[in-house]
């Protein structure tokens, strides 16, 4: 199975990094190459507990949709 790994070094307080990790806008900027975009659910701002987002992107020439729901997290 193919694996896609994205690593980012951020010199910032943990709270800021946590918010960036759940930022719909920051994710879309970081995935411009695949034209990934939020198409349903939370489509901008910060995603929170029990919220969902549906992403659409083109990977390996195939358009795909993925829906993700936040079911648990621990604030820093």
PDB file of N, CA and C in Angstrom:
ATOM      1  N   UNK A   1       0.840  -1.170   0.000  1.00  0.00           N
ATOM      2  CA  UNK A   1       0.000   0.000   0.000  1.00  0.00           C
ATOM      3  C   UNK A   1       0.889   1.239   0.000  1.00  0.00           C
ATOM      4  N   UNK A   2       0.586   2.220  -0.846  1.00  0.00           N
ATOM      5  CA  UNK A   2       1.366   3.467  -0.847  1.00  0.00           C
ATOM      6  C   UNK A   2       1.188   4.230   0.469  1.00  0.00           C
ATOM      7  N   UNK A   3       2.240   4.894   0.879  1.00  0.00           N
ATOM      8  CA  UNK A   3       2.205   5.705   2.094  1.00  0.00           C
ATOM      9  C   UNK A   3       2.570   7.130   1.733  1.00  0.00           C
ATOM     10  N   UNK A   4       1.761   8.073   2.182  1.00  0.00           N
ATOM     11  CA  UNK A   4       2.060   9.488   1.990  1.00  0.00           C
ATOM     12  C   UNK A   4       2.391  10.051   3.361  1.00  0.00           C
ATOM     13  N   UNK A   5       3.580  10.606   3.488  1.00  0.00           N
ATOM     14  CA  UNK A   5       4.011  11.155   4.771  1.00  0.00           C
ATOM     15  C   UNK A   5       4.371  12.612   4.589  1.00  0.00           C
ATOM     16  N   UNK A   6       3.863  13.465   5.470  1.00  0.00           N
ATOM     17  CA  UNK A   6       4.139  14.888   5.423  1.00  0.00           C
ATOM     18  C   UNK A   6       4.707  15.311   6.770  1.00  0.00           C
ATOM     19  N   UNK A   7       5.887  15.902   6.771  1.00  0.00           N
ATOM     20  CA  UNK A   7       6.516  16.393   7.996  1.00  0.00           C
ATOM     21  C   UNK A   7       6.740  17.881   7.885  1.00  0.00           C
ATOM     22  N   UNK A   8       6.438  18.584   8.957  1.00  0.00           N
ATOM     23  CA  UNK A   8       6.626  20.025   8.994  1.00  0.00           C
ATOM     24  C   UNK A   8       7.249  20.414  10.328  1.00  0.00           C
ATOM     25  N   UNK A   9       8.317  21.178  10.295  1.00  0.00           N
ATOM     26  CA  UNK A   9       8.944  21.683  11.513  1.00  0.00           C
ATOM     27  C   UNK A   9       8.377  23.067  11.773  1.00  0.00           C
ATOM     28  N   UNK A  10       7.832  23.255  12.969  1.00  0.00           N
ATOM     29  CA  UNK A  10       7.224  24.538  13.326  1.00  0.00           C
ATOM     30  C   UNK A  10       7.819  24.992  14.651  1.00  0.00           C
ATOM     31  N   UNK A  11       8.437  26.139  14.632  1.00  0.00           N
ATOM     32  CA  UNK A  11       8.981  26.706  15.869  1.00  0.00           C
ATOM     33  C   UNK A  11       7.931  27.656  16.435  1.00  0.00           C
ATOM     34  N   UNK A  12       7.071  27.091  17.281  1.00  0.00           N
ATOM     35  CA  UNK A  12       5.962  27.863  17.849  1.00  0.00           C
ATOM     36  C   UNK A  12       5.482  27.160  19.116  1.00  0.00           C
ATOM     37  N   UNK A  13       4.708  27.859  19.929  1.00  0.00           N
ATOM     38  CA  UNK A  13       4.145  27.229  21.132  1.00  0.00           C
ATOM     39  C   UNK A  13       3.229  26.051  20.761  1.00  0.00           C
ATOM     40  N   UNK A  14       3.137  25.065  21.654  1.00  0.00           N
ATOM     41  CA  UNK A  14       2.320  23.874  21.408  1.00  0.00           C
ATOM     42  C   UNK A  14       0.876  24.205  21.057  1.00  0.00           C
ATOM     43  N   UNK A  15       0.317  25.207  21.710  1.00  0.00           N
ATOM     44  CA  UNK A  15      -1.079  25.577  21.458  1.00  0.00           C
ATOM     45  C   UNK A  15      -1.272  26.018  20.008  1.00  0.00           C
ATOM     46  N   UNK A  16      -0.324  26.773  19.499  1.00  0.00           N
ATOM     47  CA  UNK A  16      -0.391  27.244  18.110  1.00  0.00           C
ATOM     48  C   UNK A  16      -0.249  26.072  17.140  1.00  0.00           C
ATOM     49  N   UNK A  17       0.665  25.163  17.427  1.00  0.00           N
ATOM     50  CA  UNK A  17       0.869  23.995  16.576  1.00  0.00           C
ATOM     51  C   UNK A  17      -0.383  23.113  16.584  1.00  0.00           C
ATOM     52  N   UNK A  18      -0.991  22.948  17.754  1.00  0.00           N
ATOM     53  CA  UNK A  18      -2.225  22.156  17.857  1.00  0.00           C
ATOM     54  C   UNK A  18      -3.322  22.760  16.980  1.00  0.00           C
ATOM     55  N   UNK A  19      -3.477  24.074  17.042  1.00  0.00           N
ATOM     56  CA  UNK A  19      -4.486  24.738  16.208  1.00  0.00           C
ATOM     57  C   UNK A  19      -4.162  24.604  14.720  1.00  0.00           C
ATOM     58  N   UNK A  20      -2.878  24.682  14.356  1.00  0.00           N
ATOM     59  CA  UNK A  20      -2.504  24.492  12.951  1.00  0.00           C
ATOM     60  C   UNK A  20      -2.822  23.074  12.480  1.00  0.00           C
ATOM     61  N   UNK A  21      -2.660  22.097  13.365  1.00  0.00           N
ATOM     62  CA  UNK A  21      -2.928  20.702  13.000  1.00  0.00           C
ATOM     63  C   UNK A  21      -4.403  20.461  12.701  1.00  0.00           C
ATOM     64  N   UNK A  22      -5.288  21.271  13.276  1.00  0.00           N
ATOM     65  CA  UNK A  22      -6.719  21.089  13.011  1.00  0.00           C
ATOM     66  C   UNK A  22      -7.307  22.220  12.160  1.00  0.00           C
ATOM     67  N   UNK A  23      -6.434  22.994  11.530  1.00  0.00           N
ATOM     68  CA  UNK A  23      -6.854  24.089  10.663  1.00  0.00           C
ATOM     69  C   UNK A  23      -7.139  23.587   9.251  1.00  0.00           C
ATOM     70  N   UNK A  24      -8.360  23.745   8.817  1.00  0.00           N
ATOM     71  CA  UNK A  24      -8.745  23.367   7.456  1.00  0.00           C
ATOM     72  C   UNK A  24      -7.975  24.233   6.453  1.00  0.00           C
ATOM     73  N   UNK A  25      -7.870  25.511   6.730  1.00  0.00           N
ATOM     74  CA  UNK A  25      -7.194  26.449   5.819  1.00  0.00           C
ATOM     75  C   UNK A  25      -5.713  26.114   5.662  1.00  0.00           C
ATOM     76  N   UNK A  26      -5.022  25.840   6.765  1.00  0.00           N
ATOM     77  CA  UNK A  26      -3.592  25.511   6.700  1.00  0.00           C
ATOM     78  C   UNK A  26      -3.375  24.217   5.926  1.00  0.00           C
ATOM     79  N   UNK A  27      -4.260  23.250   6.099  1.00  0.00           N
ATOM     80  CA  UNK A  27      -4.123  21.986   5.375  1.00  0.00           C
ATOM     81  C   UNK A  27      -4.262  22.199   3.868  1.00  0.00           C
ATOM     82  N   UNK A  28      -5.219  23.022   3.475  1.00  0.00           N
ATOM     83  CA  UNK A  28      -5.412  23.275   2.048  1.00  0.00           C
ATOM     84  C   UNK A  28      -4.198  23.974   1.437  1.00  0.00           C
ATOM     85  N   UNK A  29      -3.586  24.883   2.168  1.00  0.00           N
ATOM     86  CA  UNK A  29      -2.374  25.554   1.677  1.00  0.00           C
ATOM     87  C   UNK A  29      -1.238  24.540   1.528  1.00  0.00           C
ATOM     88  N   UNK A  30      -1.133  23.598   2.478  1.00  0.00           N
ATOM     89  CA  UNK A  30      -0.021  22.641   2.455  1.00  0.00           C
ATOM     90  C   UNK A  30      -0.176  21.563   1.384  1.00  0.00           C
ATOM     91  N   UNK A  31      -1.365  21.448   0.788  1.00  0.00           N
ATOM     92  CA  UNK A  31      -1.603  20.389  -0.198  1.00  0.00           C
ATOM     93  C   UNK A  31      -2.000  20.951  -1.561  1.00  0.00           C
ATOM     94  N   UNK A  32      -1.498  22.128  -1.881  1.00  0.00           N
ATOM     95  CA  UNK A  32      -1.833  22.745  -3.175  1.00  0.00           C
ATOM     96  C   UNK A  32      -1.486  21.849  -4.357  1.00  0.00           C
ATOM     97  N   UNK A  33      -0.425  21.072  -4.245  1.00  0.00           N
ATOM     98  CA  UNK A  33       0.015  20.225  -5.348  1.00  0.00           C
ATOM     99  C   UNK A  33      -1.016  19.200  -5.788  1.00  0.00           C
ATOM    100  N   UNK A  34      -1.847  18.743  -4.849  1.00  0.00           N
ATOM    101  CA  UNK A  34      -2.885  17.763  -5.175  1.00  0.00           C
ATOM    102  C   UNK A  34      -4.252  18.430  -5.298  1.00  0.00           C
ATOM    103  N   UNK A  35      -4.259  19.751  -5.202  1.00  0.00           N
ATOM    104  CA  UNK A  35      -5.508  20.524  -5.269  1.00  0.00           C
ATOM    105  C   UNK A  35      -6.532  20.006  -4.266  1.00  0.00           C
ATOM    106  N   UNK A  36      -6.050  19.606  -3.084  1.00  0.00           N
ATOM    107  CA  UNK A  36      -6.939  19.107  -2.043  1.00  0.00           C
ATOM    108  C   UNK A  36      -7.790  20.249  -1.526  1.00  0.00           C
ATOM    109  N   UNK A  37      -9.079  19.966  -1.351  1.00  0.00           N
ATOM    110  CA  UNK A  37      -9.968  21.013  -0.852  1.00  0.00           C
ATOM    111  C   UNK A  37     -11.068  20.396  -0.018  1.00  0.00           C
ATOM    112  N   UNK A  38     -11.532  21.161   0.960  1.00  0.00           N
ATOM    113  CA  UNK A  38     -12.644  20.733   1.806  1.00  0.00           C
ATOM    114  C   UNK A  38     -13.940  21.018   1.055  1.00  0.00           C
ATOM    115  N   UNK A  39     -14.785  19.993   0.884  1.00  0.00           N
ATOM    116  CA  UNK A  39     -15.994  20.146   0.082  1.00  0.00           C
ATOM    117  C   UNK A  39     -17.275  19.969   0.885  1.00  0.00           C
ATOM    118  N   UNK A  40     -17.179  19.489   2.124  1.00  0.00           N
ATOM    119  CA  UNK A  40     -18.385  19.318   2.951  1.00  0.00           C
ATOM    120  C   UNK A  40     -17.989  19.315   4.420  1.00  0.00           C
ATOM    121  N   UNK A  41     -18.964  19.550   5.275  1.00  0.00           N
ATOM    122  CA  UNK A  41     -18.701  19.624   6.714  1.00  0.00           C
ATOM    123  C   UNK A  41     -18.007  20.936   7.036  1.00  0.00           C
ATOM    124  N   UNK A  42     -17.025  20.877   7.905  1.00  0.00           N
ATOM    125  CA  UNK A  42     -16.241  22.066   8.256  1.00  0.00           C
ATOM    126  C   UNK A  42     -15.295  22.337   7.090  1.00  0.00           C
ATOM    127  N   UNK A  43     -15.480  23.445   6.397  1.00  0.00           N
ATOM    128  CA  UNK A  43     -14.670  23.713   5.204  1.00  0.00           C
ATOM    129  C   UNK A  43     -13.707  24.882   5.388  1.00  0.00           C
ATOM    130  N   UNK A  44     -13.709  25.505   6.551  1.00  0.00           N
ATOM    131  CA  UNK A  44     -12.784  26.594   6.832  1.00  0.00           C
ATOM    132  C   UNK A  44     -12.631  26.716   8.351  1.00  0.00           C
ATOM    133  N   UNK A  45     -11.535  27.309   8.782  1.00  0.00           N
ATOM    134  CA  UNK A  45     -11.310  27.504  10.208  1.00  0.00           C
ATOM    135  C   UNK A  45     -10.804  26.241  10.891  1.00  0.00           C
ATOM    136  N   UNK A  46     -11.056  26.138  12.206  1.00  0.00           N
ATOM    137  CA  UNK A  46     -10.575  25.011  13.001  1.00  0.00           C
ATOM    138  C   UNK A  46     -11.652  23.956  13.143  1.00  0.00           C
ATOM    139  N   UNK A  47     -11.293  22.708  12.912  1.00  0.00           N
ATOM    140  CA  UNK A  47     -12.228  21.611  13.140  1.00  0.00           C
ATOM    141  C   UNK A  47     -12.174  21.242  14.611  1.00  0.00           C
ATOM    142  N   UNK A  48     -13.321  20.908  15.172  1.00  0.00           N
ATOM    143  CA  UNK A  48     -13.394  20.605  16.596  1.00  0.00           C
ATOM    144  C   UNK A  48     -13.986  19.235  16.871  1.00  0.00           C
ATOM    145  N   UNK A  49     -14.177  18.961  18.146  1.00  0.00           N
ATOM    146  CA  UNK A  49     -14.697  17.686  18.608  1.00  0.00           C
ATOM    147  C   UNK A  49     -16.042  17.364  17.957  1.00  0.00           C
ATOM    148  N   UNK A  50     -16.199  16.124  17.489  1.00  0.00           N
ATOM    149  CA  UNK A  50     -17.415  15.605  16.861  1.00  0.00           C
ATOM    150  C   UNK A  50     -17.779  16.309  15.560  1.00  0.00           C
ATOM    151  N   UNK A  51     -16.847  17.032  14.957  1.00  0.00           N
ATOM    152  CA  UNK A  51     -17.083  17.657  13.663  1.00  0.00           C
ATOM    153  C   UNK A  51     -16.397  16.825  12.579  1.00  0.00           C
ATOM    154  N   UNK A  52     -16.880  16.988  11.346  1.00  0.00           N
ATOM    155  CA  UNK A  52     -16.330  16.222  10.231  1.00  0.00           C
ATOM    156  C   UNK A  52     -15.999  17.150   9.071  1.00  0.00           C
ATOM    157  N   UNK A  53     -15.097  16.684   8.213  1.00  0.00           N
ATOM    158  CA  UNK A  53     -14.750  17.388   6.984  1.00  0.00           C
ATOM    159  C   UNK A  53     -14.601  16.334   5.890  1.00  0.00           C
ATOM    160  N   UNK A  54     -15.087  16.656   4.709  1.00  0.00           N
ATOM    161  CA  UNK A  54     -14.883  15.790   3.550  1.00  0.00           C
ATOM    162  C   UNK A  54     -13.900  16.480   2.627  1.00  0.00           C
ATOM    163  N   UNK A  55     -12.809  15.770   2.323  1.00  0.00           N
ATOM    164  CA  UNK A  55     -11.750  16.273   1.452  1.00  0.00           C
ATOM    165  C   UNK A  55     -11.897  15.665   0.070  1.00  0.00           C
ATOM    166  N   UNK A  56     -11.577  16.468  -0.948  1.00  0.00           N
ATOM    167  CA  UNK A  56     -11.509  15.965  -2.313  1.00  0.00           C
ATOM    168  C   UNK A  56     -10.141  16.325  -2.856  1.00  0.00           C
ATOM    169  N   UNK A  57      -9.490  15.360  -3.512  1.00  0.00           N
ATOM    170  CA  UNK A  57      -8.151  15.594  -4.065  1.00  0.00           C
ATOM    171  C   UNK A  57      -7.903  14.631  -5.209  1.00  0.00           C
ATOM    172  N   UNK A  58      -6.842  14.914  -5.943  1.00  0.00           N
ATOM    173  CA  UNK A  58      -6.419  14.013  -7.011  1.00  0.00           C
ATOM    174  C   UNK A  58      -5.055  13.462  -6.598  1.00  0.00           C
ATOM    175  N   UNK A  59      -4.998  12.145  -6.373  1.00  0.00           N
ATOM    176  CA  UNK A  59      -3.759  11.454  -6.030  1.00  0.00           C
ATOM    177  C   UNK A  59      -3.525  10.367  -7.067  1.00  0.00           C
ATOM    178  N   UNK A  60      -2.328  10.336  -7.618  1.00  0.00           N
ATOM    179  CA  UNK A  60      -1.962   9.322  -8.609  1.00  0.00           C
ATOM    180  C   UNK A  60      -2.937   9.320  -9.787  1.00  0.00           C
ATOM    181  N   UNK A  61      -3.432  10.509 -10.152  1.00  0.00           N
ATOM    182  CA  UNK A  61      -4.331  10.647 -11.292  1.00  0.00           C
ATOM    183  C   UNK A  61      -5.773  10.268 -11.024  1.00  0.00           C
ATOM    184  N   UNK A  62      -6.100   9.930  -9.799  1.00  0.00           N
ATOM    185  CA  UNK A  62      -7.450   9.493  -9.451  1.00  0.00           C
ATOM    186  C   UNK A  62      -8.072  10.488  -8.473  1.00  0.00           C
ATOM    187  N   UNK A  63      -9.267  10.985  -8.801  1.00  0.00           N
ATOM    188  CA  UNK A  63      -9.970  11.874  -7.882  1.00  0.00           C
ATOM    189  C   UNK A  63     -10.536  11.036  -6.738  1.00  0.00           C
ATOM    190  N   UNK A  64     -10.289  11.496  -5.512  1.00  0.00           N
ATOM    191  CA  UNK A  64     -10.714  10.745  -4.333  1.00  0.00           C
ATOM    192  C   UNK A  64     -11.420  11.662  -3.354  1.00  0.00           C
ATOM    193  N   UNK A  65     -12.298  11.081  -2.556  1.00  0.00           N
ATOM    194  CA  UNK A  65     -12.948  11.795  -1.455  1.00  0.00           C
ATOM    195  C   UNK A  65     -12.709  11.019  -0.172  1.00  0.00           C
ATOM    196  N   UNK A  66     -12.466  11.757   0.905  1.00  0.00           N
ATOM    197  CA  UNK A  66     -12.227  11.164   2.210  1.00  0.00           C
ATOM    198  C   UNK A  66     -12.953  12.011   3.245  1.00  0.00           C
ATOM    199  N   UNK A  67     -13.761  11.364   4.072  1.00  0.00           N
ATOM    200  CA  UNK A  67     -14.438  12.073   5.154  1.00  0.00           C
ATOM    201  C   UNK A  67     -13.782  11.689   6.467  1.00  0.00           C
ATOM    202  N   UNK A  68     -13.451  12.695   7.275  1.00  0.00           N
ATOM    203  CA  UNK A  68     -12.771  12.512   8.542  1.00  0.00           C
ATOM    204  C   UNK A  68     -13.599  13.153   9.640  1.00  0.00           C
ATOM    205  N   UNK A  69     -13.770  12.437  10.764  1.00  0.00           N
ATOM    206  CA  UNK A  69     -14.475  12.981  11.925  1.00  0.00           C
ATOM    207  C   UNK A  69     -13.528  12.994  13.113  1.00  0.00           C
ATOM    208  N   UNK A  70     -13.502  14.093  13.865  1.00  0.00           N
ATOM    209  CA  UNK A  70     -12.697  14.185  15.076  1.00  0.00           C
ATOM    210  C   UNK A  70     -13.503  13.527  16.200  1.00  0.00           C
ATOM    211  N   UNK A  71     -12.967  12.441  16.735  1.00  0.00           N
ATOM    212  CA  UNK A  71     -13.677  11.705  17.794  1.00  0.00           C
ATOM    213  C   UNK A  71     -13.009  11.840  19.151  1.00  0.00           C
ATOM    214  N   UNK A  72     -11.758  12.316  19.172  1.00  0.00           N
ATOM    215  CA  UNK A  72     -11.063  12.518  20.446  1.00  0.00           C
ATOM    216  C   UNK A  72      -9.841  13.376  20.214  1.00  0.00           C
ATOM    217  N   UNK A  73      -9.526  14.213  21.173  1.00  0.00           N
ATOM    218  CA  UNK A  73      -8.244  14.903  21.181  1.00  0.00           C
ATOM    219  C   UNK A  73      -7.987  15.452  22.567  1.00  0.00           C
ATOM    220  N   UNK A  74      -6.727  15.724  22.845  1.00  0.00           N
ATOM    221  CA  UNK A  74      -6.320  16.269  24.134  1.00  0.00           C
ATOM    222  C   UNK A  74      -5.679  17.617  23.885  1.00  0.00           C
ATOM    223  N   UNK A  75      -6.244  18.658  24.453  1.00  0.00           N
ATOM    224  CA  UNK A  75      -5.658  19.991  24.311  1.00  0.00           C
ATOM    225  C   UNK A  75      -4.295  20.033  24.973  1.00  0.00           C
ATOM    226  N   UNK A  76      -3.349  20.770  24.384  1.00  0.00           N
ATOM    227  CA  UNK A  76      -2.009  20.856  25.000  1.00  0.00           C
ATOM    228  C   UNK A  76      -2.065  21.640  26.296  1.00  0.00           C
TER     229      UNK A  76
END
